[in-house]
Amino acid sequence: MSEEIDENLLADLYDWVDKIPLSRPKKDIRRDFADGVMVAEIVRYHLPNFVEMHYCPANNVQNKTTNWKLLNRKVFRKLNFEVKDDVIDAIVLCKPFAVENFLLLLRLKIDRYLYEKKRPGEQKDSNKGRAYRASKMSHERKGSVPDVSGVSRRRGGQAVQPASSVSSPNQGGDMVPRVAVEEMEQEILGRDETVQIMKAKIRRLEQLLHLKDIRLDDLQSRMERLEVDRKPTSQVHQAKNKAH
């Protein structure tokens, strides 16, 4: 959390914070956010139902830490992350880049939550698809595939019941226990969440790489200008040496 941050990324972060109406004027970001109150206001601005505004401004370390631990329990948990004690200590003590790195993480979590919230229909359909795939995989292991239509099919002029209700000679039925299906669904959901996190990280890394490329191009241009400025001086020295 104490890693230095690219200047352009910092500027983008400060611009994001400046767009949010906060209760106190911003003077020094490390001190402004040390007690966690303005952090709660940022979350409340984007996700009003996530925060009950009972965080009191604090000046001493103990009260600041209390606010952050309350945020952990009441707010950050809803965004599926938690701030570790050593990071809280660094923010409370206003260590360089501690709060900036935290705000970058918070922004990522808020963006991800809002992105997923915008797609409730797609998410619902995706969950249904995952549930069916999980059920199908379980049935395939047992040698049968469920009938998603829920109606009997006809084969050779005879009605065939859906695979989920066909009796097996070795068991009372080949229906997969609900617990097994739910466990598989949870596993798939967990992998899905990991994929989403990795995609978000990739987007941030791509942004960082783009900003670094801009920075490198700027440095390269400066070096080229310096080389151009040095050439006339070198030519003057050469002329003097010839004269001697």
C-alpha atoms as a PDB file:
ATOM      1  CA  MET A   1       0.000   0.000   0.000  1.00  0.00           C
ATOM      2  CA  SER A   2       3.018   2.309   0.268  1.00  0.00           C
ATOM      3  CA  GLU A   3       4.057   1.809  -3.381  1.00  0.00           C
ATOM      4  CA  GLU A   4       4.576   4.949  -5.404  1.00  0.00           C
ATOM      5  CA  ILE A   5       1.963   5.653  -8.063  1.00  0.00           C
ATOM      6  CA  ASP A   6       2.420   7.007 -11.570  1.00  0.00           C
ATOM      7  CA  GLU A   7       1.780  10.757 -11.729  1.00  0.00           C
ATOM      8  CA  ASN A   8      -0.857  10.443 -14.457  1.00  0.00           C
ATOM      9  CA  LEU A   9      -2.712   7.747 -12.523  1.00  0.00           C
ATOM     10  CA  LEU A  10      -2.604   9.960  -9.429  1.00  0.00           C
ATOM     11  CA  ALA A  11      -3.987  12.880 -11.408  1.00  0.00           C
ATOM     12  CA  ASP A  12      -6.820  10.659 -12.663  1.00  0.00           C
ATOM     13  CA  LEU A  13      -7.547   9.504  -9.094  1.00  0.00           C
ATOM     14  CA  TYR A  14      -7.620  13.073  -7.751  1.00  0.00           C
ATOM     15  CA  ASP A  15      -9.960  14.074 -10.567  1.00  0.00           C
ATOM     16  CA  TRP A  16     -12.291  11.195  -9.605  1.00  0.00           C
ATOM     17  CA  VAL A  17     -12.306  12.326  -5.965  1.00  0.00           C
ATOM     18  CA  ASP A  18     -12.836  15.989  -6.896  1.00  0.00           C
ATOM     19  CA  LYS A  19     -16.070  15.131  -8.707  1.00  0.00           C
ATOM     20  CA  ILE A  20     -17.628  13.845  -5.465  1.00  0.00           C
ATOM     21  CA  PRO A  21     -19.272  16.428  -3.158  1.00  0.00           C
ATOM     22  CA  LEU A  22     -17.702  15.899   0.254  1.00  0.00           C
ATOM     23  CA  SER A  23     -18.546  17.445   3.614  1.00  0.00           C
ATOM     24  CA  ARG A  24     -15.098  18.964   4.131  1.00  0.00           C
ATOM     25  CA  PRO A  25     -12.813  20.887   1.777  1.00  0.00           C
ATOM     26  CA  LYS A  26      -9.818  18.844   0.594  1.00  0.00           C
ATOM     27  CA  LYS A  27      -6.437  20.202   1.695  1.00  0.00           C
ATOM     28  CA  ASP A  28      -4.081  17.241   2.146  1.00  0.00           C
ATOM     29  CA  ILE A  29      -5.513  13.958   0.879  1.00  0.00           C
ATOM     30  CA  ARG A  30      -3.545  11.871   3.377  1.00  0.00           C
ATOM     31  CA  ARG A  31      -4.877  13.815   6.345  1.00  0.00           C
ATOM     32  CA  ASP A  32      -8.332  14.403   4.838  1.00  0.00           C
ATOM     33  CA  PHE A  33      -9.038  10.671   4.522  1.00  0.00           C
ATOM     34  CA  ALA A  34      -7.155   9.453   7.603  1.00  0.00           C
ATOM     35  CA  ASP A  35     -10.253   9.127   9.810  1.00  0.00           C
ATOM     36  CA  GLY A  36     -12.318   7.273   7.180  1.00  0.00           C
ATOM     37  CA  VAL A  37     -15.244   9.740   7.229  1.00  0.00           C
ATOM     38  CA  MET A  38     -14.726  10.979   3.667  1.00  0.00           C
ATOM     39  CA  VAL A  39     -14.182   7.416   2.510  1.00  0.00           C
ATOM     40  CA  ALA A  40     -17.657   6.591   3.821  1.00  0.00           C
ATOM     41  CA  GLU A  41     -18.984   9.629   1.934  1.00  0.00           C
ATOM     42  CA  ILE A  42     -17.421   8.397  -1.326  1.00  0.00           C
ATOM     43  CA  VAL A  43     -19.072   4.991  -0.982  1.00  0.00           C
ATOM     44  CA  ARG A  44     -22.377   6.609  -0.014  1.00  0.00           C
ATOM     45  CA  TYR A  45     -22.222   8.872  -3.078  1.00  0.00           C
ATOM     46  CA  HIS A  46     -21.955   5.887  -5.434  1.00  0.00           C
ATOM     47  CA  LEU A  47     -23.901   3.330  -3.354  1.00  0.00           C
ATOM     48  CA  PRO A  48     -26.316   5.177  -1.024  1.00  0.00           C
ATOM     49  CA  ASN A  49     -27.719   2.015   0.564  1.00  0.00           C
ATOM     50  CA  PHE A  50     -24.284   0.792   1.621  1.00  0.00           C
ATOM     51  CA  VAL A  51     -23.536   3.437   4.239  1.00  0.00           C
ATOM     52  CA  GLU A  52     -25.315   4.758   7.304  1.00  0.00           C
ATOM     53  CA  MET A  53     -23.645   8.058   8.069  1.00  0.00           C
ATOM     54  CA  HIS A  54     -22.649   7.645  11.685  1.00  0.00           C
ATOM     55  CA  TYR A  55     -18.906   8.056  11.257  1.00  0.00           C
ATOM     56  CA  CYS A  56     -17.567  10.837  13.446  1.00  0.00           C
ATOM     57  CA  PRO A  57     -14.562  12.987  12.484  1.00  0.00           C
ATOM     58  CA  ALA A  58     -11.584  11.982  14.613  1.00  0.00           C
ATOM     59  CA  ASN A  59      -8.237  13.481  15.510  1.00  0.00           C
ATOM     60  CA  ASN A  60      -6.594  10.737  17.548  1.00  0.00           C
ATOM     61  CA  VAL A  61      -5.292   7.421  16.235  1.00  0.00           C
ATOM     62  CA  GLN A  62      -7.658   5.265  18.293  1.00  0.00           C
ATOM     63  CA  ASN A  63     -10.856   6.908  17.035  1.00  0.00           C
ATOM     64  CA  LYS A  64      -9.612   6.951  13.454  1.00  0.00           C
ATOM     65  CA  THR A  65      -8.851   3.228  13.661  1.00  0.00           C
ATOM     66  CA  THR A  66     -12.316   2.577  15.120  1.00  0.00           C
ATOM     67  CA  ASN A  67     -13.915   4.257  12.102  1.00  0.00           C
ATOM     68  CA  TRP A  68     -11.884   2.138   9.692  1.00  0.00           C
ATOM     69  CA  LYS A  69     -12.737  -1.110  11.470  1.00  0.00           C
ATOM     70  CA  LEU A  70     -16.398  -0.149  11.375  1.00  0.00           C
ATOM     71  CA  LEU A  71     -16.088   0.491   7.646  1.00  0.00           C
ATOM     72  CA  ASN A  72     -14.560  -2.958   7.279  1.00  0.00           C
ATOM     73  CA  ARG A  73     -17.501  -4.643   8.990  1.00  0.00           C
ATOM     74  CA  LYS A  74     -20.363  -2.533   7.674  1.00  0.00           C
ATOM     75  CA  VAL A  75     -19.312  -1.345   4.223  1.00  0.00           C
ATOM     76  CA  PHE A  76     -16.276  -2.980   2.625  1.00  0.00           C
ATOM     77  CA  ARG A  77     -17.619  -6.450   3.313  1.00  0.00           C
ATOM     78  CA  LYS A  78     -20.539  -5.664   0.981  1.00  0.00           C
ATOM     79  CA  LEU A  79     -17.966  -4.946  -1.739  1.00  0.00           C
ATOM     80  CA  ASN A  80     -16.203  -8.263  -1.031  1.00  0.00           C
ATOM     81  CA  PHE A  81     -12.952  -6.957   0.407  1.00  0.00           C
ATOM     82  CA  GLU A  82     -11.394  -6.027   3.724  1.00  0.00           C
ATOM     83  CA  VAL A  83      -8.636  -3.591   4.660  1.00  0.00           C
ATOM     84  CA  LYS A  84      -5.901  -5.249   6.694  1.00  0.00           C
ATOM     85  CA  ASP A  85      -4.762  -3.834  10.021  1.00  0.00           C
ATOM     86  CA  ASP A  86      -1.317  -2.818   8.756  1.00  0.00           C
ATOM     87  CA  VAL A  87      -2.920  -0.886   5.879  1.00  0.00           C
ATOM     88  CA  ILE A  88      -5.315   0.850   8.278  1.00  0.00           C
ATOM     89  CA  ASP A  89      -2.343   1.819  10.461  1.00  0.00           C
ATOM     90  CA  ALA A  90      -0.508   3.234   7.436  1.00  0.00           C
ATOM     91  CA  ILE A  91      -3.539   5.303   6.381  1.00  0.00           C
ATOM     92  CA  VAL A  92      -4.248   6.549   9.907  1.00  0.00           C
ATOM     93  CA  LEU A  93      -0.587   7.573  10.300  1.00  0.00           C
ATOM     94  CA  CYS A  94      -0.695   9.356   6.908  1.00  0.00           C
ATOM     95  CA  LYS A  95       2.137   7.328   5.388  1.00  0.00           C
ATOM     96  CA  PRO A  96       3.038   8.225   1.773  1.00  0.00           C
ATOM     97  CA  PHE A  97       0.749   6.721  -0.887  1.00  0.00           C
ATOM     98  CA  ALA A  98      -1.157   4.570   1.648  1.00  0.00           C
ATOM     99  CA  VAL A  99      -4.515   6.287   1.168  1.00  0.00           C
ATOM    100  CA  GLU A 100      -3.948   6.779  -2.568  1.00  0.00           C
ATOM    101  CA  ASN A 101      -3.409   3.045  -3.100  1.00  0.00           C
ATOM    102  CA  PHE A 102      -6.475   2.309  -1.004  1.00  0.00           C
ATOM    103  CA  LEU A 103      -8.616   4.740  -3.005  1.00  0.00           C
ATOM    104  CA  LEU A 104      -7.494   3.081  -6.239  1.00  0.00           C
ATOM    105  CA  LEU A 105      -8.664  -0.258  -4.840  1.00  0.00           C
ATOM    106  CA  LEU A 106     -11.929   1.238  -3.601  1.00  0.00           C
ATOM    107  CA  ARG A 107     -12.604   2.782  -6.999  1.00  0.00           C
ATOM    108  CA  LEU A 108     -12.011  -0.579  -8.661  1.00  0.00           C
ATOM    109  CA  LYS A 109     -14.433  -2.319  -6.273  1.00  0.00           C
ATOM    110  CA  ILE A 110     -17.133   0.321  -6.737  1.00  0.00           C
ATOM    111  CA  ASP A 111     -16.762   0.251 -10.535  1.00  0.00           C
ATOM    112  CA  ARG A 112     -17.012  -3.514 -10.560  1.00  0.00           C
ATOM    113  CA  TYR A 113     -20.110  -3.545  -8.358  1.00  0.00           C
ATOM    114  CA  LEU A 114     -21.850  -0.903 -10.483  1.00  0.00           C
ATOM    115  CA  TYR A 115     -20.916  -2.765 -13.672  1.00  0.00           C
ATOM    116  CA  GLU A 116     -22.431  -6.010 -12.411  1.00  0.00           C
ATOM    117  CA  LYS A 117     -25.507  -4.206 -11.107  1.00  0.00           C
ATOM    118  CA  LYS A 118     -26.245  -2.821 -14.574  1.00  0.00           C
ATOM    119  CA  ARG A 119     -26.643  -6.341 -15.961  1.00  0.00           C
ATOM    120  CA  PRO A 120     -29.188  -8.059 -13.680  1.00  0.00           C
ATOM    121  CA  GLY A 121     -30.965  -9.784 -16.563  1.00  0.00           C
ATOM    122  CA  GLU A 122     -27.769 -11.079 -18.093  1.00  0.00           C
ATOM    123  CA  GLN A 123     -26.495 -12.161 -14.692  1.00  0.00           C
ATOM    124  CA  LYS A 124     -29.734 -14.033 -13.994  1.00  0.00           C
ATOM    125  CA  ASP A 125     -29.567 -15.826 -17.332  1.00  0.00           C
ATOM    126  CA  SER A 126     -25.905 -16.593 -16.716  1.00  0.00           C
ATOM    127  CA  ASN A 127     -26.705 -18.096 -13.313  1.00  0.00           C
ATOM    128  CA  LYS A 128     -29.399 -20.279 -14.890  1.00  0.00           C
ATOM    129  CA  GLY A 129     -26.932 -21.409 -17.522  1.00  0.00           C
ATOM    130  CA  ARG A 130     -24.334 -22.241 -14.892  1.00  0.00           C
ATOM    131  CA  ALA A 131     -26.897 -24.198 -12.874  1.00  0.00           C
ATOM    132  CA  TYR A 132     -27.924 -26.213 -15.921  1.00  0.00           C
ATOM    133  CA  ARG A 133     -24.298 -26.881 -16.894  1.00  0.00           C
ATOM    134  CA  ALA A 134     -23.527 -28.023 -13.353  1.00  0.00           C
ATOM    135  CA  SER A 135     -26.537 -30.355 -13.370  1.00  0.00           C
ATOM    136  CA  LYS A 136     -25.637 -31.644 -16.819  1.00  0.00           C
ATOM    137  CA  MET A 137     -22.065 -32.398 -15.804  1.00  0.00           C
ATOM    138  CA  SER A 138     -23.284 -34.371 -12.804  1.00  0.00           C
ATOM    139  CA  HIS A 139     -25.745 -36.350 -14.918  1.00  0.00           C
ATOM    140  CA  GLU A 140     -23.153 -37.053 -17.592  1.00  0.00           C
ATOM    141  CA  ARG A 141     -20.937 -38.634 -14.955  1.00  0.00           C
ATOM    142  CA  LYS A 142     -23.828 -40.975 -14.217  1.00  0.00           C
ATOM    143  CA  GLY A 143     -24.553 -41.637 -17.888  1.00  0.00           C
ATOM    144  CA  SER A 144     -27.603 -39.449 -18.426  1.00  0.00           C
ATOM    145  CA  VAL A 145     -28.408 -35.873 -19.433  1.00  0.00           C
ATOM    146  CA  PRO A 146     -31.335 -33.878 -17.971  1.00  0.00           C
ATOM    147  CA  ASP A 147     -34.173 -32.782 -20.214  1.00  0.00           C
ATOM    148  CA  VAL A 148     -34.298 -28.994 -19.917  1.00  0.00           C
ATOM    149  CA  SER A 149     -37.759 -28.805 -21.431  1.00  0.00           C
ATOM    150  CA  GLY A 150     -39.300 -30.556 -18.412  1.00  0.00           C
ATOM    151  CA  VAL A 151     -41.597 -32.623 -20.683  1.00  0.00           C
ATOM    152  CA  SER A 152     -41.470 -36.220 -21.877  1.00  0.00           C
ATOM    153  CA  ARG A 153     -39.964 -36.938 -25.280  1.00  0.00           C
ATOM    154  CA  ARG A 154     -40.911 -39.659 -27.700  1.00  0.00           C
ATOM    155  CA  ARG A 155     -38.506 -42.248 -28.952  1.00  0.00           C
ATOM    156  CA  GLY A 156     -39.599 -45.063 -31.250  1.00  0.00           C
ATOM    157  CA  GLY A 157     -43.259 -44.258 -30.641  1.00  0.00           C
ATOM    158  CA  GLN A 158     -42.908 -44.545 -26.861  1.00  0.00           C
ATOM    159  CA  ALA A 159     -42.911 -41.730 -24.375  1.00  0.00           C
ATOM    160  CA  VAL A 160     -39.555 -41.237 -22.705  1.00  0.00           C
ATOM    161  CA  GLN A 161     -39.477 -39.383 -19.424  1.00  0.00           C
ATOM    162  CA  PRO A 162     -36.860 -36.713 -18.759  1.00  0.00           C
ATOM    163  CA  ALA A 163     -33.518 -38.186 -17.734  1.00  0.00           C
ATOM    164  CA  SER A 164     -33.741 -36.554 -14.321  1.00  0.00           C
ATOM    165  CA  SER A 165     -36.689 -38.802 -13.415  1.00  0.00           C
ATOM    166  CA  VAL A 166     -35.634 -42.071 -15.101  1.00  0.00           C
ATOM    167  CA  SER A 167     -34.936 -44.883 -12.651  1.00  0.00           C
ATOM    168  CA  SER A 168     -31.537 -46.518 -12.636  1.00  0.00           C
ATOM    169  CA  PRO A 169     -31.152 -50.269 -12.116  1.00  0.00           C
ATOM    170  CA  ASN A 170     -28.465 -49.695  -9.515  1.00  0.00           C
ATOM    171  CA  GLN A 171     -30.185 -46.867  -7.643  1.00  0.00           C
ATOM    172  CA  GLY A 172     -33.673 -45.679  -6.812  1.00  0.00           C
ATOM    173  CA  GLY A 173     -33.122 -42.891  -9.370  1.00  0.00           C
ATOM    174  CA  ASP A 174     -30.261 -41.126 -11.110  1.00  0.00           C
ATOM    175  CA  MET A 175     -31.246 -37.661  -9.869  1.00  0.00           C
ATOM    176  CA  VAL A 176     -28.191 -35.826  -8.541  1.00  0.00           C
ATOM    177  CA  PRO A 177     -28.461 -34.733  -4.897  1.00  0.00           C
ATOM    178  CA  ARG A 178     -29.301 -31.026  -4.666  1.00  0.00           C
ATOM    179  CA  VAL A 179     -26.317 -30.462  -2.371  1.00  0.00           C
ATOM    180  CA  ALA A 180     -23.926 -31.733  -5.059  1.00  0.00           C
ATOM    181  CA  VAL A 181     -25.435 -29.426  -7.668  1.00  0.00           C
ATOM    182  CA  GLU A 182     -25.304 -26.440  -5.328  1.00  0.00           C
ATOM    183  CA  GLU A 183     -21.669 -27.174  -4.501  1.00  0.00           C
ATOM    184  CA  MET A 184     -20.825 -27.271  -8.185  1.00  0.00           C
ATOM    185  CA  GLU A 185     -22.747 -24.030  -8.783  1.00  0.00           C
ATOM    186  CA  GLN A 186     -20.772 -22.350  -6.002  1.00  0.00           C
ATOM    187  CA  GLU A 187     -17.529 -23.582  -7.514  1.00  0.00           C
ATOM    188  CA  ILE A 188     -18.488 -22.193 -10.921  1.00  0.00           C
ATOM    189  CA  LEU A 189     -19.576 -18.884  -9.363  1.00  0.00           C
ATOM    190  CA  GLY A 190     -16.273 -18.688  -7.511  1.00  0.00           C
ATOM    191  CA  ARG A 191     -14.336 -19.207 -10.726  1.00  0.00           C
ATOM    192  CA  ASP A 192     -16.518 -16.643 -12.468  1.00  0.00           C
ATOM    193  CA  GLU A 193     -15.740 -14.104  -9.757  1.00  0.00           C
ATOM    194  CA  THR A 194     -12.019 -14.818 -10.068  1.00  0.00           C
ATOM    195  CA  VAL A 195     -12.211 -14.256 -13.826  1.00  0.00           C
ATOM    196  CA  GLN A 196     -13.997 -10.923 -13.311  1.00  0.00           C
ATOM    197  CA  ILE A 197     -11.361  -9.796 -10.799  1.00  0.00           C
ATOM    198  CA  MET A 198      -8.564 -10.747 -13.185  1.00  0.00           C
ATOM    199  CA  LYS A 199     -10.266  -8.864 -16.039  1.00  0.00           C
ATOM    200  CA  ALA A 200     -10.546  -5.765 -13.861  1.00  0.00           C
ATOM    201  CA  LYS A 201      -6.858  -6.061 -12.920  1.00  0.00           C
ATOM    202  CA  ILE A 202      -5.931  -6.438 -16.571  1.00  0.00           C
ATOM    203  CA  ARG A 203      -7.867  -3.278 -17.434  1.00  0.00           C
ATOM    204  CA  ARG A 204      -6.017  -1.367 -14.709  1.00  0.00           C
ATOM    205  CA  LEU A 205      -2.664  -2.752 -15.833  1.00  0.00           C
ATOM    206  CA  GLU A 206      -3.415  -1.786 -19.425  1.00  0.00           C
ATOM    207  CA  GLN A 207      -4.219   1.726 -18.241  1.00  0.00           C
ATOM    208  CA  LEU A 208      -0.960   1.850 -16.276  1.00  0.00           C
ATOM    209  CA  LEU A 209       1.016   0.622 -19.283  1.00  0.00           C
ATOM    210  CA  HIS A 210      -0.605   3.271 -21.467  1.00  0.00           C
ATOM    211  CA  LEU A 211       0.279   5.984 -18.965  1.00  0.00           C
ATOM    212  CA  LYS A 212       3.854   4.690 -18.702  1.00  0.00           C
ATOM    213  CA  ASP A 213       4.148   4.725 -22.498  1.00  0.00           C
ATOM    214  CA  ILE A 214       3.083   8.361 -22.488  1.00  0.00           C
ATOM    215  CA  ARG A 215       5.658   9.091 -19.809  1.00  0.00           C
ATOM    216  CA  LEU A 216       8.396   7.275 -21.742  1.00  0.00           C
ATOM    217  CA  ASP A 217       7.546   9.145 -24.934  1.00  0.00           C
ATOM    218  CA  ASP A 218       7.787  12.418 -23.010  1.00  0.00           C
ATOM    219  CA  LEU A 219      11.178  11.483 -21.575  1.00  0.00           C
ATOM    220  CA  GLN A 220      12.394  10.377 -24.990  1.00  0.00           C
ATOM    221  CA  SER A 221      11.356  13.721 -26.473  1.00  0.00           C
ATOM    222  CA  ARG A 222      13.217  15.577 -23.723  1.00  0.00           C
ATOM    223  CA  MET A 223      16.359  13.531 -24.320  1.00  0.00           C
ATOM    224  CA  GLU A 224      16.198  14.235 -28.049  1.00  0.00           C
ATOM    225  CA  ARG A 225      15.841  17.967 -27.376  1.00  0.00           C
ATOM    226  CA  LEU A 226      18.844  17.832 -25.056  1.00  0.00           C
ATOM    227  CA  GLU A 227      20.880  16.098 -27.745  1.00  0.00           C
ATOM    228  CA  VAL A 228      19.916  18.781 -30.238  1.00  0.00           C
ATOM    229  CA  ASP A 229      20.911  21.520 -27.766  1.00  0.00           C
ATOM    230  CA  ARG A 230      24.289  19.894 -27.178  1.00  0.00           C
ATOM    231  CA  LYS A 231      25.257  19.587 -30.840  1.00  0.00           C
ATOM    232  CA  PRO A 232      26.016  23.298 -31.511  1.00  0.00           C
ATOM    233  CA  THR A 233      28.192  23.427 -28.394  1.00  0.00           C
ATOM    234  CA  SER A 234      30.173  20.416 -29.576  1.00  0.00           C
ATOM    235  CA  GLN A 235      30.667  21.960 -32.988  1.00  0.00           C
ATOM    236  CA  VAL A 236      32.025  25.176 -31.399  1.00  0.00           C
ATOM    237  CA  HIS A 237      34.569  23.166 -29.398  1.00  0.00           C
ATOM    238  CA  GLN A 238      35.653  21.316 -32.528  1.00  0.00           C
ATOM    239  CA  ALA A 239      36.160  24.594 -34.397  1.00  0.00           C
ATOM    240  CA  LYS A 240      38.309  25.981 -31.569  1.00  0.00           C
ATOM    241  CA  ASN A 241      40.440  22.845 -31.514  1.00  0.00           C
ATOM    242  CA  LYS A 242      41.061  23.125 -35.277  1.00  0.00           C
ATOM    243  CA  ALA A 243      42.068  26.770 -34.889  1.00  0.00           C
ATOM    244  CA  HIS A 244      44.709  25.842 -32.323  1.00  0.00           C
END
